[in-house]
Amino acid sequence: EAGASAIFIHARTRAQGYSGKANWNIIKEVVDSVGIPVIGNGDILSY
């Protein structure tokens, strides 16, 4: 709503830091909630 052209989301909380597992379900929820591109981040270690 504020005018950004895309959102990048690391699917971990601040409390997790870089530990634990990224919750990709959050990425899907964000994709379904906005009309601008959403780029997912977290636990991409292979093709």
ModelCIF file with pLDDT and N, C-alpha, C, O atoms, coordinates in Angstrom:
data_MODEL
#
_entry.id   MODEL 
#
_entity.id                         1 
_entity.type                       polymer 
_entity.pdbx_number_of_molecules   1 
#
_entity_poly.entity_id                      1 
_entity_poly.type                           'polypeptide(L)' 
_entity_poly.nstd_linkage                   no 
_entity_poly.nstd_monomer                   no 
_entity_poly.pdbx_seq_one_letter_code       EAGASAIFIHARTRAQGYSGKANWNIIKEVVDSVGIPVIGNGDILSY 
_entity_poly.pdbx_seq_one_letter_code_can   EAGASAIFIHARTRAQGYSGKANWNIIKEVVDSVGIPVIGNGDILSY 
_entity_poly.pdbx_strand_id                 A 
#
loop_
_entity_poly_seq.entity_id 
_entity_poly_seq.num 
_entity_poly_seq.mon_id 
_entity_poly_seq.hetero 
1 1  GLU n 
1 2  ALA n 
1 3  GLY n 
1 4  ALA n 
1 5  SER n 
1 6  ALA n 
1 7  ILE n 
1 8  PHE n 
1 9  ILE n 
1 10 HIS n 
1 11 ALA n 
1 12 ARG n 
1 13 THR n 
1 14 ARG n 
1 15 ALA n 
1 16 GLN n 
1 17 GLY n 
1 18 TYR n 
1 19 SER n 
1 20 GLY n 
1 21 LYS n 
1 22 ALA n 
1 23 ASN n 
1 24 TRP n 
1 25 ASN n 
1 26 ILE n 
1 27 ILE n 
1 28 LYS n 
1 29 GLU n 
1 30 VAL n 
1 31 VAL n 
1 32 ASP n 
1 33 SER n 
1 34 VAL n 
1 35 GLY n 
1 36 ILE n 
1 37 PRO n 
1 38 VAL n 
1 39 ILE n 
1 40 GLY n 
1 41 ASN n 
1 42 GLY n 
1 43 ASP n 
1 44 ILE n 
1 45 LEU n 
1 46 SER n 
1 47 TYR n 
#
_struct_asym.id          A 
_struct_asym.entity_id   1 
#
loop_
_ma_qa_metric.id 
_ma_qa_metric.mode 
_ma_qa_metric.name 
_ma_qa_metric.software_group_id 
_ma_qa_metric.type 
1 global pLDDT . pLDDT 
2 local  pLDDT . pLDDT 
#
_ma_qa_metric_global.metric_id      1 
_ma_qa_metric_global.metric_value   96.74 
_ma_qa_metric_global.model_id       1 
_ma_qa_metric_global.ordinal_id     1 
#
loop_
_ma_qa_metric_local.label_asym_id 
_ma_qa_metric_local.label_comp_id 
_ma_qa_metric_local.label_seq_id 
_ma_qa_metric_local.metric_id 
_ma_qa_metric_local.metric_value 
_ma_qa_metric_local.model_id 
_ma_qa_metric_local.ordinal_id 
A GLU 1  2 98.00 1 1  
A ALA 2  2 98.00 1 2  
A GLY 3  2 98.00 1 3  
A ALA 4  2 98.00 1 4  
A SER 5  2 98.00 1 5  
A ALA 6  2 98.00 1 6  
A ILE 7  2 98.00 1 7  
A PHE 8  2 98.00 1 8  
A ILE 9  2 98.00 1 9  
A HIS 10 2 97.00 1 10 
A ALA 11 2 97.00 1 11 
A ARG 12 2 96.00 1 12 
A THR 13 2 95.00 1 13 
A ARG 14 2 93.00 1 14 
A ALA 15 2 93.00 1 15 
A GLN 16 2 94.00 1 16 
A GLY 17 2 91.00 1 17 
A TYR 18 2 92.00 1 18 
A SER 19 2 91.00 1 19 
A GLY 20 2 92.00 1 20 
A LYS 21 2 95.00 1 21 
A ALA 22 2 96.00 1 22 
A ASN 23 2 97.00 1 23 
A TRP 24 2 98.00 1 24 
A ASN 25 2 98.00 1 25 
A ILE 26 2 98.00 1 26 
A ILE 27 2 98.00 1 27 
A LYS 28 2 98.00 1 28 
A GLU 29 2 98.00 1 29 
A VAL 30 2 98.00 1 30 
A VAL 31 2 98.00 1 31 
A ASP 32 2 98.00 1 32 
A SER 33 2 98.00 1 33 
A VAL 34 2 98.00 1 34 
A GLY 35 2 98.00 1 35 
A ILE 36 2 98.00 1 36 
A PRO 37 2 98.00 1 37 
A VAL 38 2 98.00 1 38 
A ILE 39 2 98.00 1 39 
A GLY 40 2 98.00 1 40 
A ASN 41 2 98.00 1 41 
A GLY 42 2 97.00 1 42 
A ASP 43 2 96.00 1 43 
A ILE 44 2 97.00 1 44 
A LEU 45 2 97.00 1 45 
A SER 46 2 97.00 1 46 
A TYR 47 2 98.00 1 47 
#
loop_
_atom_site.group_PDB 
_atom_site.id 
_atom_site.type_symbol 
_atom_site.label_atom_id 
_atom_site.label_alt_id 
_atom_site.label_comp_id 
_atom_site.label_asym_id 
_atom_site.label_entity_id 
_atom_site.label_seq_id 
_atom_site.pdbx_PDB_ins_code 
_atom_site.Cartn_x 
_atom_site.Cartn_y 
_atom_site.Cartn_z 
_atom_site.occupancy 
_atom_site.B_iso_or_equiv 
_atom_site.pdbx_formal_charge 
_atom_site.auth_seq_id 
_atom_site.auth_comp_id 
_atom_site.auth_asym_id 
_atom_site.auth_atom_id 
_atom_site.pdbx_PDB_model_num 
ATOM 1   N N  . GLU A 1 1  ? 0.820  -1.221  0.000  1.00 98.00 ? 1  GLU A N  1 
ATOM 2   C CA . GLU A 1 1  ? 0.000  0.000   0.000  1.00 98.00 ? 1  GLU A CA 1 
ATOM 3   C C  . GLU A 1 1  ? 0.847  1.261   0.000  1.00 98.00 ? 1  GLU A C  1 
ATOM 4   O O  . GLU A 1 1  ? 0.443  2.293   -0.536 1.00 98.00 ? 1  GLU A O  1 
ATOM 5   N N  . ALA A 1 2  ? 2.036  1.170   0.611  1.00 98.00 ? 2  ALA A N  1 
ATOM 6   C CA . ALA A 1 2  ? 2.912  2.337   0.705  1.00 98.00 ? 2  ALA A CA 1 
ATOM 7   C C  . ALA A 1 2  ? 3.700  2.591   -0.576 1.00 98.00 ? 2  ALA A C  1 
ATOM 8   O O  . ALA A 1 2  ? 4.383  3.608   -0.693 1.00 98.00 ? 2  ALA A O  1 
ATOM 9   N N  . GLY A 1 3  ? 3.607  1.677   -1.532 1.00 98.00 ? 3  GLY A N  1 
ATOM 10  C CA . GLY A 1 3  ? 4.194  1.951   -2.843 1.00 98.00 ? 3  GLY A CA 1 
ATOM 11  C C  . GLY A 1 3  ? 5.397  1.119   -3.246 1.00 98.00 ? 3  GLY A C  1 
ATOM 12  O O  . GLY A 1 3  ? 6.000  1.394   -4.283 1.00 98.00 ? 3  GLY A O  1 
ATOM 13  N N  . ALA A 1 4  ? 5.771  0.113   -2.465 1.00 98.00 ? 4  ALA A N  1 
ATOM 14  C CA . ALA A 1 4  ? 6.916  -0.728  -2.827 1.00 98.00 ? 4  ALA A CA 1 
ATOM 15  C C  . ALA A 1 4  ? 6.587  -1.576  -4.056 1.00 98.00 ? 4  ALA A C  1 
ATOM 16  O O  . ALA A 1 4  ? 5.424  -1.873  -4.332 1.00 98.00 ? 4  ALA A O  1 
ATOM 17  N N  . SER A 1 5  ? 7.635  -1.959  -4.786 1.00 98.00 ? 5  SER A N  1 
ATOM 18  C CA . SER A 1 5  ? 7.475  -2.721  -6.023 1.00 98.00 ? 5  SER A CA 1 
ATOM 19  C C  . SER A 1 5  ? 7.676  -4.205  -5.857 1.00 98.00 ? 5  SER A C  1 
ATOM 20  O O  . SER A 1 5  ? 7.305  -4.973  -6.744 1.00 98.00 ? 5  SER A O  1 
ATOM 21  N N  . ALA A 1 6  ? 8.261  -4.646  -4.731 1.00 98.00 ? 6  ALA A N  1 
ATOM 22  C CA . ALA A 1 6  ? 8.469  -6.071  -4.473 1.00 98.00 ? 6  ALA A CA 1 
ATOM 23  C C  . ALA A 1 6  ? 8.805  -6.272  -3.006 1.00 98.00 ? 6  ALA A C  1 
ATOM 24  O O  . ALA A 1 6  ? 9.245  -5.351  -2.318 1.00 98.00 ? 6  ALA A O  1 
ATOM 25  N N  . ILE A 1 7  ? 8.587  -7.504  -2.539 1.00 98.00 ? 7  ILE A N  1 
ATOM 26  C CA . ILE A 1 7  ? 8.882  -7.857  -1.146 1.00 98.00 ? 7  ILE A CA 1 
ATOM 27  C C  . ILE A 1 7  ? 9.751  -9.106  -1.142 1.00 98.00 ? 7  ILE A C  1 
ATOM 28  O O  . ILE A 1 7  ? 9.437  -10.095 -1.804 1.00 98.00 ? 7  ILE A O  1 
ATOM 29  N N  . PHE A 1 8  ? 10.826 -9.052  -0.403 1.00 98.00 ? 8  PHE A N  1 
ATOM 30  C CA . PHE A 1 8  ? 11.686 -10.209 -0.185 1.00 98.00 ? 8  PHE A CA 1 
ATOM 31  C C  . PHE A 1 8  ? 11.462 -10.676 1.241  1.00 98.00 ? 8  PHE A C  1 
ATOM 32  O O  . PHE A 1 8  ? 11.560 -9.882  2.176  1.00 98.00 ? 8  PHE A O  1 
ATOM 33  N N  . ILE A 1 9  ? 11.162 -11.951 1.416  1.00 98.00 ? 9  ILE A N  1 
ATOM 34  C CA . ILE A 1 9  ? 10.885 -12.435 2.771  1.00 98.00 ? 9  ILE A CA 1 
ATOM 35  C C  . ILE A 1 9  ? 11.756 -13.626 3.133  1.00 98.00 ? 9  ILE A C  1 
ATOM 36  O O  . ILE A 1 9  ? 11.736 -14.663 2.469  1.00 98.00 ? 9  ILE A O  1 
ATOM 37  N N  . HIS A 1 10 ? 12.517 -13.450 4.197  1.00 97.00 ? 10 HIS A N  1 
ATOM 38  C CA . HIS A 1 10 ? 13.267 -14.552 4.799  1.00 97.00 ? 10 HIS A CA 1 
ATOM 39  C C  . HIS A 1 10 ? 12.300 -15.211 5.786  1.00 97.00 ? 10 HIS A C  1 
ATOM 40  O O  . HIS A 1 10 ? 11.839 -14.584 6.740  1.00 97.00 ? 10 HIS A O  1 
ATOM 41  N N  . ALA A 1 11 ? 12.009 -16.468 5.536  1.00 97.00 ? 11 ALA A N  1 
ATOM 42  C CA . ALA A 1 11 ? 10.939 -17.141 6.285  1.00 97.00 ? 11 ALA A CA 1 
ATOM 43  C C  . ALA A 1 11 ? 11.390 -17.673 7.638  1.00 97.00 ? 11 ALA A C  1 
ATOM 44  O O  . ALA A 1 11 ? 11.082 -18.807 8.005  1.00 97.00 ? 11 ALA A O  1 
ATOM 45  N N  . ARG A 1 12 ? 12.120 -16.849 8.371  1.00 96.00 ? 12 ARG A N  1 
ATOM 46  C CA . ARG A 1 12 ? 12.460 -17.101 9.767  1.00 96.00 ? 12 ARG A CA 1 
ATOM 47  C C  . ARG A 1 12 ? 12.094 -15.870 10.579 1.00 96.00 ? 12 ARG A C  1 
ATOM 48  O O  . ARG A 1 12 ? 11.985 -14.771 10.034 1.00 96.00 ? 12 ARG A O  1 
ATOM 49  N N  . THR A 1 13 ? 11.904 -16.050 11.874 1.00 95.00 ? 13 THR A N  1 
ATOM 50  C CA . THR A 1 13 ? 11.663 -14.914 12.745 1.00 95.00 ? 13 THR A CA 1 
ATOM 51  C C  . THR A 1 13 ? 12.992 -14.288 13.149 1.00 95.00 ? 13 THR A C  1 
ATOM 52  O O  . THR A 1 13 ? 14.061 -14.863 12.944 1.00 95.00 ? 13 THR A O  1 
ATOM 53  N N  . ARG A 1 14 ? 12.896 -13.102 13.726 1.00 93.00 ? 14 ARG A N  1 
ATOM 54  C CA . ARG A 1 14 ? 14.099 -12.466 14.251 1.00 93.00 ? 14 ARG A CA 1 
ATOM 55  C C  . ARG A 1 14 ? 14.700 -13.324 15.365 1.00 93.00 ? 14 ARG A C  1 
ATOM 56  O O  . ARG A 1 14 ? 15.921 -13.447 15.470 1.00 93.00 ? 14 ARG A O  1 
ATOM 57  N N  . ALA A 1 15 ? 13.849 -13.908 16.187 1.00 93.00 ? 15 ALA A N  1 
ATOM 58  C CA . ALA A 1 15 ? 14.322 -14.739 17.297 1.00 93.00 ? 15 ALA A CA 1 
ATOM 59  C C  . ALA A 1 15 ? 15.108 -15.950 16.804 1.00 93.00 ? 15 ALA A C  1 
ATOM 60  O O  . ALA A 1 15 ? 16.037 -16.393 17.479 1.00 93.00 ? 15 ALA A O  1 
ATOM 61  N N  . GLN A 1 16 ? 14.757 -16.489 15.648 1.00 94.00 ? 16 GLN A N  1 
ATOM 62  C CA . GLN A 1 16 ? 15.475 -17.624 15.090 1.00 94.00 ? 16 GLN A CA 1 
ATOM 63  C C  . GLN A 1 16 ? 16.868 -17.257 14.611 1.00 94.00 ? 16 GLN A C  1 
ATOM 64  O O  . GLN A 1 16 ? 17.774 -18.090 14.617 1.00 94.00 ? 16 GLN A O  1 
ATOM 65  N N  . GLY A 1 17 ? 17.037 -16.020 14.198 1.00 91.00 ? 17 GLY A N  1 
ATOM 66  C CA . GLY A 1 17 ? 18.298 -15.644 13.577 1.00 91.00 ? 17 GLY A CA 1 
ATOM 67  C C  . GLY A 1 17 ? 18.474 -16.431 12.301 1.00 91.00 ? 17 GLY A C  1 
ATOM 68  O O  . GLY A 1 17 ? 17.665 -16.330 11.378 1.00 91.00 ? 17 GLY A O  1 
ATOM 69  N N  . TYR A 1 18 ? 19.543 -17.222 12.251 1.00 92.00 ? 18 TYR A N  1 
ATOM 70  C CA . TYR A 1 18 ? 19.789 -18.072 11.079 1.00 92.00 ? 18 TYR A CA 1 
ATOM 71  C C  . TYR A 1 18 ? 19.721 -19.549 11.449 1.00 92.00 ? 18 TYR A C  1 
ATOM 72  O O  . TYR A 1 18 ? 20.210 -20.409 10.717 1.00 92.00 ? 18 TYR A O  1 
ATOM 73  N N  . SER A 1 19 ? 19.108 -19.827 12.595 1.00 91.00 ? 19 SER A N  1 
ATOM 74  C CA . SER A 1 19 ? 19.013 -21.206 13.062 1.00 91.00 ? 19 SER A CA 1 
ATOM 75  C C  . SER A 1 19 ? 17.631 -21.786 12.756 1.00 91.00 ? 19 SER A C  1 
ATOM 76  O O  . SER A 1 19 ? 16.736 -21.092 12.274 1.00 91.00 ? 19 SER A O  1 
ATOM 77  N N  . GLY A 1 20 ? 17.488 -23.072 13.049 1.00 92.00 ? 20 GLY A N  1 
ATOM 78  C CA . GLY A 1 20 ? 16.190 -23.703 12.841 1.00 92.00 ? 20 GLY A CA 1 
ATOM 79  C C  . GLY A 1 20 ? 15.828 -23.798 11.369 1.00 92.00 ? 20 GLY A C  1 
ATOM 80  O O  . GLY A 1 20 ? 16.676 -23.637 10.491 1.00 92.00 ? 20 GLY A O  1 
ATOM 81  N N  . LYS A 1 21 ? 14.569 -24.058 11.121 1.00 95.00 ? 21 LYS A N  1 
ATOM 82  C CA . LYS A 1 21 ? 14.093 -24.254 9.755  1.00 95.00 ? 21 LYS A CA 1 
ATOM 83  C C  . LYS A 1 21 ? 13.216 -23.091 9.308  1.00 95.00 ? 21 LYS A C  1 
ATOM 84  O O  . LYS A 1 21 ? 12.390 -22.597 10.075 1.00 95.00 ? 21 LYS A O  1 
ATOM 85  N N  . ALA A 1 22 ? 13.400 -22.657 8.065  1.00 96.00 ? 22 ALA A N  1 
ATOM 86  C CA . ALA A 1 22 ? 12.552 -21.606 7.497  1.00 96.00 ? 22 ALA A CA 1 
ATOM 87  C C  . ALA A 1 22 ? 11.155 -22.163 7.245  1.00 96.00 ? 22 ALA A C  1 
ATOM 88  O O  . ALA A 1 22 ? 10.998 -23.278 6.747  1.00 96.00 ? 22 ALA A O  1 
ATOM 89  N N  . ASN A 1 23 ? 10.150 -21.374 7.594  1.00 97.00 ? 23 ASN A N  1 
ATOM 90  C CA . ASN A 1 23 ? 8.752  -21.780 7.412  1.00 97.00 ? 23 ASN A CA 1 
ATOM 91  C C  . ASN A 1 23 ? 8.225  -21.232 6.091  1.00 97.00 ? 23 ASN A C  1 
ATOM 92  O O  . ASN A 1 23 ? 7.750  -20.099 6.022  1.00 97.00 ? 23 ASN A O  1 
ATOM 93  N N  . TRP A 1 24 ? 8.315  -22.042 5.057  1.00 98.00 ? 24 TRP A N  1 
ATOM 94  C CA . TRP A 1 24 ? 7.909  -21.581 3.730  1.00 98.00 ? 24 TRP A CA 1 
ATOM 95  C C  . TRP A 1 24 ? 6.412  -21.305 3.630  1.00 98.00 ? 24 TRP A C  1 
ATOM 96  O O  . TRP A 1 24 ? 5.979  -20.607 2.713  1.00 98.00 ? 24 TRP A O  1 
ATOM 97  N N  . ASN A 1 25 ? 5.614  -21.839 4.555  1.00 98.00 ? 25 ASN A N  1 
ATOM 98  C CA . ASN A 1 25 ? 4.171  -21.541 4.530  1.00 98.00 ? 25 ASN A CA 1 
ATOM 99  C C  . ASN A 1 25 ? 3.911  -20.042 4.670  1.00 98.00 ? 25 ASN A C  1 
ATOM 100 O O  . ASN A 1 25 ? 2.938  -19.516 4.130  1.00 98.00 ? 25 ASN A O  1 
ATOM 101 N N  . ILE A 1 26 ? 4.799  -19.361 5.408  1.00 98.00 ? 26 ILE A N  1 
ATOM 102 C CA . ILE A 1 26 ? 4.667  -17.910 5.566  1.00 98.00 ? 26 ILE A CA 1 
ATOM 103 C C  . ILE A 1 26 ? 4.854  -17.209 4.221  1.00 98.00 ? 26 ILE A C  1 
ATOM 104 O O  . ILE A 1 26 ? 4.169  -16.232 3.918  1.00 98.00 ? 26 ILE A O  1 
ATOM 105 N N  . ILE A 1 27 ? 5.784  -17.719 3.425  1.00 98.00 ? 27 ILE A N  1 
ATOM 106 C CA . ILE A 1 27 ? 6.004  -17.127 2.101  1.00 98.00 ? 27 ILE A CA 1 
ATOM 107 C C  . ILE A 1 27 ? 4.732  -17.234 1.267  1.00 98.00 ? 27 ILE A C  1 
ATOM 108 O O  . ILE A 1 27 ? 4.323  -16.272 0.618  1.00 98.00 ? 27 ILE A O  1 
ATOM 109 N N  . LYS A 1 28 ? 4.108  -18.415 1.290  1.00 98.00 ? 28 LYS A N  1 
ATOM 110 C CA . LYS A 1 28 ? 2.870  -18.608 0.519  1.00 98.00 ? 28 LYS A CA 1 
ATOM 111 C C  . LYS A 1 28 ? 1.773  -17.662 0.999  1.00 98.00 ? 28 LYS A C  1 
ATOM 112 O O  . LYS A 1 28 ? 1.033  -17.107 0.187  1.00 98.00 ? 28 LYS A O  1 
ATOM 113 N N  . GLU A 1 29 ? 1.666  -17.477 2.312  1.00 98.00 ? 29 GLU A N  1 
ATOM 114 C CA . GLU A 1 29 ? 0.656  -16.568 2.846  1.00 98.00 ? 29 GLU A CA 1 
ATOM 115 C C  . GLU A 1 29 ? 0.883  -15.135 2.366  1.00 98.00 ? 29 GLU A C  1 
ATOM 116 O O  . GLU A 1 29 ? -0.068 -14.417 2.058  1.00 98.00 ? 29 GLU A O  1 
ATOM 117 N N  . VAL A 1 30 ? 2.144  -14.731 2.304  1.00 98.00 ? 30 VAL A N  1 
ATOM 118 C CA . VAL A 1 30 ? 2.454  -13.381 1.810  1.00 98.00 ? 30 VAL A CA 1 
ATOM 119 C C  . VAL A 1 30 ? 2.142  -13.279 0.320  1.00 98.00 ? 30 VAL A C  1 
ATOM 120 O O  . VAL A 1 30 ? 1.567  -12.286 -0.126 1.00 98.00 ? 30 VAL A O  1 
ATOM 121 N N  . VAL A 1 31 ? 2.519  -14.304 -0.453 1.00 98.00 ? 31 VAL A N  1 
ATOM 122 C CA . VAL A 1 31 ? 2.211  -14.317 -1.884 1.00 98.00 ? 31 VAL A CA 1 
ATOM 123 C C  . VAL A 1 31 ? 0.711  -14.145 -2.112 1.00 98.00 ? 31 VAL A C  1 
ATOM 124 O O  . VAL A 1 31 ? 0.289  -13.395 -2.992 1.00 98.00 ? 31 VAL A O  1 
ATOM 125 N N  . ASP A 1 32 ? -0.085 -14.846 -1.313 1.00 98.00 ? 32 ASP A N  1 
ATOM 126 C CA . ASP A 1 32 ? -1.542 -14.808 -1.485 1.00 98.00 ? 32 ASP A CA 1 
ATOM 127 C C  . ASP A 1 32 ? -2.169 -13.493 -1.021 1.00 98.00 ? 32 ASP A C  1 
ATOM 128 O O  . ASP A 1 32 ? -3.327 -13.209 -1.331 1.00 98.00 ? 32 ASP A O  1 
ATOM 129 N N  . SER A 1 33 ? -1.402 -12.693 -0.279 1.00 98.00 ? 33 SER A N  1 
ATOM 130 C CA . SER A 1 33 ? -1.992 -11.481 0.310  1.00 98.00 ? 33 SER A CA 1 
ATOM 131 C C  . SER A 1 33 ? -1.683 -10.197 -0.445 1.00 98.00 ? 33 SER A C  1 
ATOM 132 O O  . SER A 1 33 ? -2.308 -9.168  -0.188 1.00 98.00 ? 33 SER A O  1 
ATOM 133 N N  . VAL A 1 34 ? -0.727 -10.238 -1.375 1.00 98.00 ? 34 VAL A N  1 
ATOM 134 C CA . VAL A 1 34 ? -0.349 -9.014  -2.096 1.00 98.00 ? 34 VAL A CA 1 
ATOM 135 C C  . VAL A 1 34 ? -0.315 -9.250  -3.593 1.00 98.00 ? 34 VAL A C  1 
ATOM 136 O O  . VAL A 1 34 ? -0.333 -10.387 -4.065 1.00 98.00 ? 34 VAL A O  1 
ATOM 137 N N  . GLY A 1 35 ? -0.265 -8.146  -4.329 1.00 98.00 ? 35 GLY A N  1 
ATOM 138 C CA . GLY A 1 35 ? -0.244 -8.238  -5.789 1.00 98.00 ? 35 GLY A CA 1 
ATOM 139 C C  . GLY A 1 35 ? 1.120  -7.970  -6.404 1.00 98.00 ? 35 GLY A C  1 
ATOM 140 O O  . GLY A 1 35 ? 1.307  -8.170  -7.604 1.00 98.00 ? 35 GLY A O  1 
ATOM 141 N N  . ILE A 1 36 ? 2.076  -7.519  -5.597 1.00 98.00 ? 36 ILE A N  1 
ATOM 142 C CA . ILE A 1 36 ? 3.420  -7.268  -6.104 1.00 98.00 ? 36 ILE A CA 1 
ATOM 143 C C  . ILE A 1 36 ? 4.271  -8.533  -5.967 1.00 98.00 ? 36 ILE A C  1 
ATOM 144 O O  . ILE A 1 36 ? 3.927  -9.423  -5.189 1.00 98.00 ? 36 ILE A O  1 
ATOM 145 N N  . PRO A 1 37 ? 5.374  -8.623  -6.711 1.00 98.00 ? 37 PRO A N  1 
ATOM 146 C CA . PRO A 1 37 ? 6.208  -9.825  -6.624 1.00 98.00 ? 37 PRO A CA 1 
ATOM 147 C C  . PRO A 1 37 ? 6.716  -10.096 -5.207 1.00 98.00 ? 37 PRO A C  1 
ATOM 148 O O  . PRO A 1 37 ? 7.110  -9.180  -4.486 1.00 98.00 ? 37 PRO A O  1 
ATOM 149 N N  . VAL A 1 38 ? 6.696  -11.361 -4.830 1.00 98.00 ? 38 VAL A N  1 
ATOM 150 C CA . VAL A 1 38 ? 7.237  -11.810 -3.547 1.00 98.00 ? 38 VAL A CA 1 
ATOM 151 C C  . VAL A 1 38 ? 8.371  -12.784 -3.851 1.00 98.00 ? 38 VAL A C  1 
ATOM 152 O O  . VAL A 1 38 ? 8.201  -13.738 -4.610 1.00 98.00 ? 38 VAL A O  1 
ATOM 153 N N  . ILE A 1 39 ? 9.520  -12.530 -3.252 1.00 98.00 ? 39 ILE A N  1 
ATOM 154 C CA . ILE A 1 39 ? 10.695 -13.365 -3.476 1.00 98.00 ? 39 ILE A CA 1 
ATOM 155 C C  . ILE A 1 39 ? 11.012 -14.093 -2.178 1.00 98.00 ? 39 ILE A C  1 
ATOM 156 O O  . ILE A 1 39 ? 11.190 -13.462 -1.137 1.00 98.00 ? 39 ILE A O  1 
ATOM 157 N N  . GLY A 1 40 ? 11.084 -15.423 -2.238 1.00 98.00 ? 40 GLY A N  1 
ATOM 158 C CA . GLY A 1 40 ? 11.290 -16.232 -1.051 1.00 98.00 ? 40 GLY A CA 1 
ATOM 159 C C  . GLY A 1 40 ? 12.754 -16.450 -0.732 1.00 98.00 ? 40 GLY A C  1 
ATOM 160 O O  . GLY A 1 40 ? 13.590 -16.573 -1.627 1.00 98.00 ? 40 GLY A O  1 
ATOM 161 N N  . ASN A 1 41 ? 13.053 -16.498 0.557  1.00 98.00 ? 41 ASN A N  1 
ATOM 162 C CA . ASN A 1 41 ? 14.431 -16.645 1.034  1.00 98.00 ? 41 ASN A CA 1 
ATOM 163 C C  . ASN A 1 41 ? 14.434 -17.564 2.254  1.00 98.00 ? 41 ASN A C  1 
ATOM 164 O O  . ASN A 1 41 ? 13.563 -17.465 3.118  1.00 98.00 ? 41 ASN A O  1 
ATOM 165 N N  . GLY A 1 42 ? 15.429 -18.464 2.315  1.00 97.00 ? 42 GLY A N  1 
ATOM 166 C CA . GLY A 1 42 ? 15.556 -19.345 3.472  1.00 97.00 ? 42 GLY A CA 1 
ATOM 167 C C  . GLY A 1 42 ? 15.655 -20.804 3.096  1.00 97.00 ? 42 GLY A C  1 
ATOM 168 O O  . GLY A 1 42 ? 14.718 -21.377 2.539  1.00 97.00 ? 42 GLY A O  1 
ATOM 169 N N  . ASP A 1 43 ? 16.811 -21.416 3.405  1.00 96.00 ? 43 ASP A N  1 
ATOM 170 C CA . ASP A 1 43 ? 17.036 -22.851 3.208  1.00 96.00 ? 43 ASP A CA 1 
ATOM 171 C C  . ASP A 1 43 ? 17.083 -23.279 1.748  1.00 96.00 ? 43 ASP A C  1 
ATOM 172 O O  . ASP A 1 43 ? 16.640 -24.379 1.416  1.00 96.00 ? 43 ASP A O  1 
ATOM 173 N N  . ILE A 1 44 ? 17.608 -22.436 0.878  1.00 97.00 ? 44 ILE A N  1 
ATOM 174 C CA . ILE A 1 44 ? 17.852 -22.846 -0.505 1.00 97.00 ? 44 ILE A CA 1 
ATOM 175 C C  . ILE A 1 44 ? 19.297 -23.316 -0.590 1.00 97.00 ? 44 ILE A C  1 
ATOM 176 O O  . ILE A 1 44 ? 20.217 -22.504 -0.677 1.00 97.00 ? 44 ILE A O  1 
ATOM 177 N N  . LEU A 1 45 ? 19.491 -24.625 -0.564 1.00 97.00 ? 45 LEU A N  1 
ATOM 178 C CA . LEU A 1 45 ? 20.839 -25.198 -0.567 1.00 97.00 ? 45 LEU A CA 1 
ATOM 179 C C  . LEU A 1 45 ? 21.106 -26.051 -1.801 1.00 97.00 ? 45 LEU A C  1 
ATOM 180 O O  . LEU A 1 45 ? 22.202 -26.586 -1.967 1.00 97.00 ? 45 LEU A O  1 
ATOM 181 N N  . SER A 1 46 ? 20.094 -26.178 -2.672 1.00 97.00 ? 46 SER A N  1 
ATOM 182 C CA . SER A 1 46 ? 20.267 -26.967 -3.887 1.00 97.00 ? 46 SER A CA 1 
ATOM 183 C C  . SER A 1 46 ? 19.250 -26.507 -4.922 1.00 97.00 ? 46 SER A C  1 
ATOM 184 O O  . SER A 1 46 ? 18.313 -25.775 -4.605 1.00 97.00 ? 46 SER A O  1 
ATOM 185 N N  . TYR A 1 47 ? 19.447 -26.945 -6.168 1.00 98.00 ? 47 TYR A N  1 
ATOM 186 C CA . TYR A 1 47 ? 18.490 -26.621 -7.224 1.00 98.00 ? 47 TYR A CA 1 
ATOM 187 C C  . TYR A 1 47 ? 17.126 -27.229 -6.902 1.00 98.00 ? 47 TYR A C  1 
ATOM 188 O O  . TYR A 1 47 ? 16.181 -27.069 -7.674 1.00 98.00 ? 47 TYR A O  1 
#
